[in-house]
Amino acid sequence: MTLPRQERHAIVAATAAVVVLAGIAITQYVRASWPFGDDAGGKPATVSHAEHAAHAAHGDVPPGYSGVMLEPAQAAAMGLASAPVEQRELTRTVRSVGVLALDETRSAHVHAKVRGWIDTIQANFVGRAVRAGQPLCSIYSQDVYAAEAELVALLDRPAGDPLVAAARRRLALWDVPKAEIARLEKTREPMRTFSLLAPRSGVIISKAAIQGTFVDPATELYTIADLTRLWVLVDLYETDAPYVRLGDHAKLTIEGQGAPLDAAVSFLAPTVDEATRTVKARFELDNRDGRLRPGAFVSAELTLALGAGLTIPESAVIRTGTRSIVFLVHGLHLQPREVTLGPSSGELYRVERGLAVGDRVATGAQFLLDSESRLRASSAPGGGHVH
């Protein structure tokens, strides 16, 4: 059913009146709850010229801000508090993760220096412990067999003949064992194969040697690592890395182990990982008892010394994007001040510039102070430009 035109107009007018009344009520409520009193003209009270002059010695007011005068009742209504600017030694606790890794300085990659075929294998599985000089596998090489036959043919030459010495040296450079060369000179019978020996003691980490496989110098047959000492590689974010120094200690908790281990930073990577945006910090752990295993997950906790400096609570700082603003408390007068901040330590910031020991900064009602200061700056004679 369509209402007559006059009734529709009446309904629209009544609705508009209700909206206007509701807006007036809300405005009055907000004005009543705003902690800063208004002057007779309805504008926020501004700080007088004398008041500004009285506090000019405390520094320039940032552009777009103005000082704020408070009554005790207003400060109480806002929950305003303050804290002193103090000189302190700052530390930061950094928690990160890492992994147990092989000590690269105690690892060896085993290659044959000749072309040939693997005849038999002595070190036949990953995880086997070997000693330096222990046979890993035997290799048949036509080149080595021919070189042994050549040495046998030269043994009847006079002692000290350079050709004999050159034949011996060729076999040695191909990693033919000294014992095999001595046997050859004694028996004068070339062997079909020669043994490839372990260059160091350790554990076989990887193995590509398979009986009957053709190999050449590019083929990596074994990787042998000494596991009595391991590395822990920990990721440090770019913001924390500048405060880490060689020798700084950390608590390392290794997955599956008991109490945390204490270790010192032994190396810091000179580059940043582009994928993770982190810097690697290295720790070294003794593992002669063999209870630590490479690949284990590690949690690290470092306490970094940030040095001494002026500090203020984090709650005193107003971040405006490009600037950091605090409000200095001078009795009932609050003066905005732009500051330069350094690193943070817990709930404290180090102040590089803008404050002095003994200053007090407001630590509560930062949103209200920021809003009122900007409003007064824009309402002052000549206006203001808020950044």
Protein backbone atom coordinates (compact mmCIF):
# COMPACT_ATOMS: atom_id res chain seq x y z
CA MET A 1 0.00 0.00 0.00
CA THR A 2 1.46 3.42 -1.03
CA LEU A 3 1.32 6.16 1.60
CA PRO A 4 0.01 9.58 0.64
CA ARG A 5 2.69 12.13 -0.26
CA GLN A 6 2.08 14.27 2.83
CA GLU A 7 2.55 11.28 5.19
CA ARG A 8 5.79 10.30 3.46
CA HIS A 9 7.15 13.82 3.87
CA ALA A 10 6.20 13.79 7.54
CA ILE A 11 8.04 10.50 8.11
CA VAL A 12 11.19 11.79 6.35
CA ALA A 13 11.14 15.00 8.40
CA ALA A 14 10.74 13.09 11.66
CA THR A 15 13.62 10.78 10.79
CA ALA A 16 15.88 13.72 9.97
CA ALA A 17 15.03 15.36 13.26
CA VAL A 18 15.93 12.20 15.18
CA VAL A 19 19.30 11.96 13.39
CA VAL A 20 20.12 15.61 14.17
CA LEU A 21 19.22 15.19 17.83
CA ALA A 22 21.31 12.03 18.06
CA GLY A 23 24.30 13.83 16.53
CA ILE A 24 23.97 16.68 19.01
CA ALA A 25 23.80 14.25 21.91
CA ILE A 26 26.89 12.36 20.76
CA THR A 27 28.83 15.60 20.27
CA GLN A 28 27.93 16.77 23.77
CA TYR A 29 28.95 13.42 25.22
CA VAL A 30 32.36 13.50 23.47
CA ARG A 31 32.94 17.10 24.62
CA ALA A 32 32.03 16.19 28.17
CA SER A 33 34.38 13.19 28.20
CA TRP A 34 37.33 15.01 26.54
CA PRO A 35 39.79 15.69 29.38
CA PHE A 36 40.95 19.08 28.08
CA GLY A 37 38.81 22.10 29.00
CA ASP A 38 37.58 24.54 26.30
CA ASP A 39 37.69 28.31 26.46
CA ALA A 40 34.64 30.53 26.14
CA GLY A 41 34.81 30.46 22.36
CA GLY A 42 34.62 26.68 22.27
CA LYS A 43 38.23 26.29 21.03
CA PRO A 44 40.90 24.39 22.92
CA ALA A 45 42.84 26.50 25.37
CA THR A 46 46.19 27.56 23.92
CA VAL A 47 49.43 28.13 25.72
CA SER A 48 50.21 31.78 26.28
CA HIS A 49 53.26 33.56 24.89
CA ALA A 50 54.69 33.86 28.41
CA GLU A 51 54.31 30.13 28.98
CA HIS A 52 56.09 29.37 25.73
CA ALA A 53 58.92 31.75 26.65
CA ALA A 54 59.22 30.13 30.08
CA HIS A 55 59.95 26.77 28.50
CA ALA A 56 61.89 27.87 25.41
CA ALA A 57 65.12 26.73 27.03
CA HIS A 58 63.92 23.16 26.94
CA GLY A 59 64.23 22.88 23.12
CA ASP A 60 62.29 23.54 19.95
CA VAL A 61 58.76 22.28 19.56
CA PRO A 62 58.48 19.91 16.57
CA PRO A 63 56.57 21.37 13.58
CA GLY A 64 52.88 20.57 13.80
CA TYR A 65 52.89 20.29 17.59
CA SER A 66 52.18 22.67 20.46
CA GLY A 67 52.74 22.60 24.19
CA VAL A 68 49.88 21.44 26.40
CA MET A 69 48.87 22.87 29.77
CA LEU A 70 47.01 20.56 32.15
CA GLU A 71 45.09 21.00 35.35
CA PRO A 72 45.59 18.35 38.03
CA ALA A 73 42.06 17.07 37.46
CA GLN A 74 42.74 16.73 33.74
CA ALA A 75 45.97 14.81 34.34
CA ALA A 76 44.17 12.46 36.71
CA ALA A 77 41.32 11.93 34.23
CA MET A 78 43.82 11.02 31.50
CA GLY A 79 45.77 8.60 33.69
CA LEU A 80 48.91 10.61 32.97
CA ALA A 81 52.16 9.30 34.40
CA SER A 82 55.81 10.20 33.91
CA ALA A 83 59.22 8.59 34.05
CA PRO A 84 62.74 10.03 34.36
CA VAL A 85 65.37 9.89 31.63
CA GLU A 86 68.09 7.68 33.09
CA GLN A 87 71.59 6.55 32.19
CA ARG A 88 71.74 2.74 32.02
CA GLU A 89 73.69 -0.18 30.67
CA LEU A 90 71.46 -1.82 28.08
CA THR A 91 71.29 -5.47 27.12
CA ARG A 92 69.09 -7.33 24.69
CA THR A 93 68.14 -10.99 24.81
CA VAL A 94 68.03 -12.57 21.37
CA ARG A 95 66.48 -15.96 20.72
CA SER A 96 67.06 -17.75 17.45
CA VAL A 97 67.40 -21.19 15.92
CA GLY A 98 70.17 -23.12 14.24
CA VAL A 99 71.44 -26.56 13.34
CA LEU A 100 74.32 -28.85 14.28
CA ALA A 101 76.71 -29.12 11.33
CA LEU A 102 79.98 -30.81 10.43
CA ASP A 103 83.23 -29.00 11.15
CA GLU A 104 84.31 -28.16 7.62
CA THR A 105 87.95 -27.99 8.70
CA ARG A 106 87.79 -31.66 9.78
CA SER A 107 86.21 -33.16 6.70
CA ALA A 108 87.80 -34.83 3.66
CA HIS A 109 86.46 -35.72 0.22
CA VAL A 110 88.06 -38.82 -1.28
CA HIS A 111 88.68 -39.06 -5.05
CA ALA A 112 90.75 -41.46 -7.13
CA LYS A 113 93.43 -39.58 -9.08
CA VAL A 114 93.32 -42.02 -11.97
CA ARG A 115 90.75 -43.55 -14.29
CA GLY A 116 89.77 -47.10 -13.51
CA TRP A 117 87.25 -49.52 -11.99
CA ILE A 118 86.47 -50.30 -8.35
CA ASP A 119 87.48 -53.90 -7.75
CA THR A 120 86.69 -54.52 -4.07
CA ILE A 121 85.34 -52.38 -1.22
CA GLN A 122 86.56 -52.47 2.37
CA ALA A 123 84.67 -49.42 3.77
CA ASN A 124 81.24 -50.50 2.65
CA PHE A 125 78.62 -48.44 4.49
CA VAL A 126 77.85 -44.91 5.66
CA GLY A 127 78.48 -44.34 9.37
CA ARG A 128 81.48 -46.64 9.59
CA ALA A 129 84.44 -45.29 11.52
CA VAL A 130 87.80 -45.44 9.72
CA ARG A 131 91.38 -44.59 10.65
CA ALA A 132 93.83 -42.56 8.62
CA GLY A 133 95.68 -44.89 6.22
CA GLN A 134 93.01 -47.60 6.36
CA PRO A 135 92.07 -49.11 2.94
CA LEU A 136 88.70 -47.89 1.66
CA CYS A 137 88.55 -49.76 -1.64
CA SER A 138 90.85 -51.22 -4.29
CA ILE A 139 90.98 -49.87 -7.85
CA TYR A 140 92.11 -51.43 -11.10
CA SER A 141 93.72 -48.83 -13.33
CA GLN A 142 95.50 -49.54 -16.62
CA ASP A 143 97.65 -46.43 -16.12
CA VAL A 144 98.82 -47.52 -12.67
CA TYR A 145 99.52 -51.07 -13.84
CA ALA A 146 101.60 -49.75 -16.74
CA ALA A 147 103.50 -47.38 -14.43
CA GLU A 148 104.32 -50.28 -12.05
CA ALA A 149 105.62 -52.34 -14.95
CA GLU A 150 107.76 -49.40 -16.06
CA LEU A 151 109.25 -49.05 -12.58
CA VAL A 152 110.11 -52.76 -12.50
CA ALA A 153 111.88 -52.41 -15.85
CA LEU A 154 113.97 -49.51 -14.53
CA LEU A 155 115.05 -51.10 -11.26
CA ASP A 156 118.21 -52.59 -12.83
CA ARG A 157 119.55 -49.15 -13.64
CA PRO A 158 122.27 -47.62 -11.44
CA ALA A 159 121.26 -46.31 -8.02
CA GLY A 160 120.20 -42.69 -8.07
CA ASP A 161 119.12 -42.83 -11.70
CA PRO A 162 116.60 -39.97 -12.26
CA LEU A 163 114.35 -42.19 -14.36
CA VAL A 164 113.83 -44.57 -11.43
CA ALA A 165 113.06 -41.67 -9.08
CA ALA A 166 110.59 -40.23 -11.60
CA ALA A 167 108.79 -43.60 -11.92
CA ARG A 168 108.47 -43.86 -8.13
CA ARG A 169 107.18 -40.30 -7.86
CA ARG A 170 104.54 -40.86 -10.54
CA LEU A 171 103.04 -43.73 -8.55
CA ALA A 172 103.15 -41.69 -5.33
CA LEU A 173 101.34 -38.77 -6.99
CA TRP A 174 98.58 -41.17 -8.01
CA ASP A 175 98.13 -42.10 -4.32
CA VAL A 176 99.58 -45.58 -4.72
CA PRO A 177 100.48 -46.50 -1.10
CA LYS A 178 104.14 -46.41 -0.09
CA ALA A 179 103.82 -50.00 1.11
CA GLU A 180 102.71 -51.07 -2.38
CA ILE A 181 105.68 -49.29 -4.00
CA ALA A 182 108.07 -50.97 -1.52
CA ARG A 183 106.49 -54.39 -2.25
CA LEU A 184 106.83 -53.78 -5.98
CA GLU A 185 110.53 -52.98 -5.71
CA LYS A 186 111.11 -56.06 -3.58
CA THR A 187 109.08 -58.63 -5.55
CA ARG A 188 109.24 -56.96 -9.01
CA GLU A 189 105.71 -58.17 -9.66
CA PRO A 190 103.12 -55.49 -10.62
CA MET A 191 99.74 -55.84 -8.90
CA ARG A 192 96.50 -55.65 -10.84
CA THR A 193 94.92 -53.30 -8.26
CA PHE A 194 96.05 -50.82 -5.63
CA SER A 195 94.31 -49.69 -2.41
CA LEU A 196 92.79 -46.23 -1.96
CA LEU A 197 93.56 -45.17 1.64
CA ALA A 198 91.59 -42.94 4.03
CA PRO A 199 93.26 -39.51 4.19
CA ARG A 200 92.10 -38.92 7.78
CA SER A 201 90.38 -40.61 10.70
CA GLY A 202 86.66 -40.09 11.09
CA VAL A 203 83.25 -41.37 10.11
CA ILE A 204 82.04 -42.04 6.57
CA ILE A 205 79.33 -39.43 5.95
CA SER A 206 78.63 -40.25 2.31
CA LYS A 207 79.66 -43.07 -0.01
CA ALA A 208 79.42 -43.39 -3.81
CA ALA A 209 81.88 -46.26 -4.19
CA ILE A 210 80.18 -49.36 -5.62
CA GLN A 211 81.98 -52.51 -6.74
CA GLY A 212 82.50 -52.56 -10.51
CA THR A 213 81.84 -48.82 -10.98
CA PHE A 214 84.02 -46.90 -13.42
CA VAL A 215 85.63 -43.87 -11.74
CA ASP A 216 87.72 -40.91 -12.79
CA PRO A 217 89.29 -38.03 -10.82
CA ALA A 218 85.99 -36.12 -10.83
CA THR A 219 84.15 -38.91 -8.98
CA GLU A 220 83.75 -38.33 -5.25
CA LEU A 221 83.90 -41.79 -3.68
CA TYR A 222 83.72 -40.98 0.05
CA THR A 223 83.25 -38.08 2.45
CA ILE A 224 84.95 -38.62 5.81
CA ALA A 225 84.36 -36.28 8.75
CA ASP A 226 85.79 -36.08 12.24
CA LEU A 227 82.76 -35.84 14.55
CA THR A 228 84.70 -35.18 17.75
CA ARG A 229 84.05 -31.47 17.23
CA LEU A 230 80.92 -30.00 15.64
CA TRP A 231 79.68 -26.61 14.58
CA VAL A 232 76.40 -24.95 15.50
CA LEU A 233 75.21 -22.50 12.84
CA VAL A 234 72.67 -19.99 14.22
CA ASP A 235 70.67 -17.47 12.16
CA LEU A 236 70.82 -13.85 13.38
CA TYR A 237 68.51 -11.21 11.96
CA GLU A 238 70.10 -8.14 10.39
CA THR A 239 68.87 -5.91 13.24
CA ASP A 240 70.63 -8.07 15.86
CA ALA A 241 73.83 -8.97 13.99
CA PRO A 242 75.61 -5.59 14.54
CA TYR A 243 75.57 -6.13 18.32
CA VAL A 244 77.03 -9.66 18.25
CA ARG A 245 80.78 -9.91 18.85
CA LEU A 246 83.27 -12.75 18.70
CA GLY A 247 83.42 -14.35 22.13
CA ASP A 248 79.83 -13.52 23.10
CA HIS A 249 78.32 -16.46 24.96
CA ALA A 250 75.02 -18.18 24.25
CA LYS A 251 72.91 -20.94 25.74
CA LEU A 252 72.39 -23.67 23.15
CA THR A 253 69.52 -26.10 23.65
CA ILE A 254 69.89 -29.11 21.37
CA GLU A 255 66.83 -31.13 20.50
CA GLY A 256 66.89 -34.46 22.30
CA GLN A 257 69.64 -33.45 24.72
CA GLY A 258 69.49 -32.42 28.36
CA ALA A 259 70.58 -29.11 29.88
CA PRO A 260 71.59 -26.19 27.64
CA LEU A 261 75.24 -25.94 26.64
CA ASP A 262 77.30 -22.78 26.98
CA ALA A 263 79.32 -21.78 23.91
CA ALA A 264 81.03 -18.69 22.54
CA VAL A 265 80.67 -17.16 19.08
CA SER A 266 83.74 -18.26 17.11
CA PHE A 267 82.87 -16.79 13.71
CA LEU A 268 80.40 -14.38 12.09
CA ALA A 269 79.61 -14.70 8.41
CA PRO A 270 80.71 -11.63 6.41
CA THR A 271 77.62 -11.78 4.18
CA VAL A 272 73.84 -11.75 4.62
CA ASP A 273 71.82 -14.68 3.30
CA GLU A 274 69.61 -13.14 0.61
CA ALA A 275 66.83 -15.72 1.05
CA THR A 276 66.44 -15.50 4.84
CA ARG A 277 67.95 -12.02 5.47
CA THR A 278 70.02 -13.48 8.30
CA VAL A 279 73.69 -13.70 9.25
CA LYS A 280 75.22 -17.01 10.33
CA ALA A 281 76.92 -17.15 13.72
CA ARG A 282 79.12 -20.17 14.41
CA PHE A 283 79.67 -21.94 17.72
CA GLU A 284 82.00 -24.92 18.29
CA LEU A 285 81.08 -27.86 20.52
CA ASP A 286 83.20 -30.72 21.83
CA ASN A 287 81.72 -34.09 20.85
CA ARG A 288 84.34 -36.60 21.90
CA ASP A 289 81.67 -38.62 23.68
CA GLY A 290 79.72 -38.90 20.41
CA ARG A 291 76.33 -37.95 21.87
CA LEU A 292 75.73 -35.03 19.46
CA ARG A 293 74.66 -35.74 15.90
CA PRO A 294 74.94 -33.41 12.91
CA GLY A 295 71.59 -32.19 11.62
CA ALA A 296 70.00 -31.80 15.07
CA PHE A 297 67.83 -28.72 15.70
CA VAL A 298 69.27 -26.09 18.06
CA SER A 299 67.65 -23.19 19.96
CA ALA A 300 70.00 -20.36 20.91
CA GLU A 301 69.67 -17.57 23.46
CA LEU A 302 72.19 -14.72 23.47
CA THR A 303 72.40 -11.73 25.81
CA LEU A 304 73.87 -8.85 23.82
CA ALA A 305 75.52 -5.80 25.37
CA LEU A 306 74.15 -2.66 23.70
CA GLY A 307 76.30 -0.25 25.68
CA ALA A 308 75.41 2.57 28.06
CA GLY A 309 73.06 5.40 27.17
CA LEU A 310 70.04 7.46 28.08
CA THR A 311 66.87 5.41 28.30
CA ILE A 312 63.14 6.08 28.29
CA PRO A 313 60.19 3.68 28.51
CA GLU A 314 58.76 2.40 25.25
CA SER A 315 55.35 3.72 26.35
CA ALA A 316 56.69 7.30 26.26
CA VAL A 317 57.32 7.27 22.50
CA ILE A 318 54.83 8.36 19.85
CA ARG A 319 55.76 7.00 16.42
CA THR A 320 54.63 9.28 13.60
CA GLY A 321 56.18 7.35 10.75
CA THR A 322 59.30 9.41 10.10
CA ARG A 323 59.66 10.91 13.57
CA SER A 324 59.64 9.86 17.20
CA ILE A 325 57.95 12.29 19.62
CA VAL A 326 57.94 12.39 23.42
CA PHE A 327 56.31 14.87 25.81
CA LEU A 328 58.55 16.42 28.44
CA VAL A 329 56.84 17.10 31.75
CA HIS A 330 57.52 20.50 33.35
CA GLY A 331 55.03 20.73 36.18
CA LEU A 332 51.63 21.20 34.50
CA HIS A 333 53.20 21.99 31.14
CA LEU A 334 53.88 19.20 28.64
CA GLN A 335 56.23 20.05 25.83
CA PRO A 336 56.55 17.88 22.69
CA ARG A 337 60.11 16.98 21.72
CA GLU A 338 61.45 15.10 18.71
CA VAL A 339 64.04 12.49 19.67
CA THR A 340 66.40 10.12 17.88
CA LEU A 341 66.16 6.57 19.19
CA GLY A 342 68.72 3.79 19.23
CA PRO A 343 68.17 0.08 19.83
CA SER A 344 65.50 -1.19 22.18
CA SER A 345 66.06 -3.35 25.24
CA GLY A 346 62.92 -4.97 26.52
CA GLU A 347 60.53 -2.10 27.29
CA LEU A 348 63.25 0.57 27.08
CA TYR A 349 64.60 2.64 24.21
CA ARG A 350 68.07 4.14 24.09
CA VAL A 351 67.92 7.86 23.23
CA GLU A 352 70.67 9.07 20.93
CA ARG A 353 69.59 12.71 20.76
CA GLY A 354 66.93 15.07 22.10
CA LEU A 355 66.91 14.44 25.86
CA ALA A 356 69.18 14.86 28.87
CA VAL A 357 69.59 13.10 32.20
CA GLY A 358 67.00 14.39 34.67
CA ASP A 359 64.29 15.13 32.10
CA ARG A 360 60.90 13.55 32.71
CA VAL A 361 58.71 12.23 29.94
CA ALA A 362 55.01 11.44 29.91
CA THR A 363 54.26 7.71 29.79
CA GLY A 364 50.48 7.66 29.73
CA ALA A 365 47.65 8.95 27.56
CA GLN A 366 49.96 9.31 24.56
CA PHE A 367 47.07 9.27 22.07
CA LEU A 368 45.25 12.08 23.88
CA LEU A 369 48.40 14.17 24.25
CA ASP A 370 49.31 13.72 20.60
CA SER A 371 45.78 14.65 19.45
CA GLU A 372 45.50 17.68 21.71
CA SER A 373 48.97 18.97 20.82
CA ARG A 374 48.29 18.71 17.08
CA LEU A 375 44.85 20.32 17.51
CA ARG A 376 46.26 23.26 19.44
CA ALA A 377 49.03 23.73 16.87
CA SER A 378 46.50 23.88 14.04
CA SER A 379 44.17 26.20 16.03
CA ALA A 380 46.90 28.65 17.02
CA PRO A 381 47.05 32.07 15.30
CA GLY A 382 48.50 31.57 11.84
CA GLY A 383 47.67 27.88 11.92
CA GLY A 384 50.19 25.11 11.88
CA HIS A 385 51.44 22.46 9.57
CA VAL A 386 51.12 18.97 10.99
CA HIS A 387 53.69 16.47 9.71
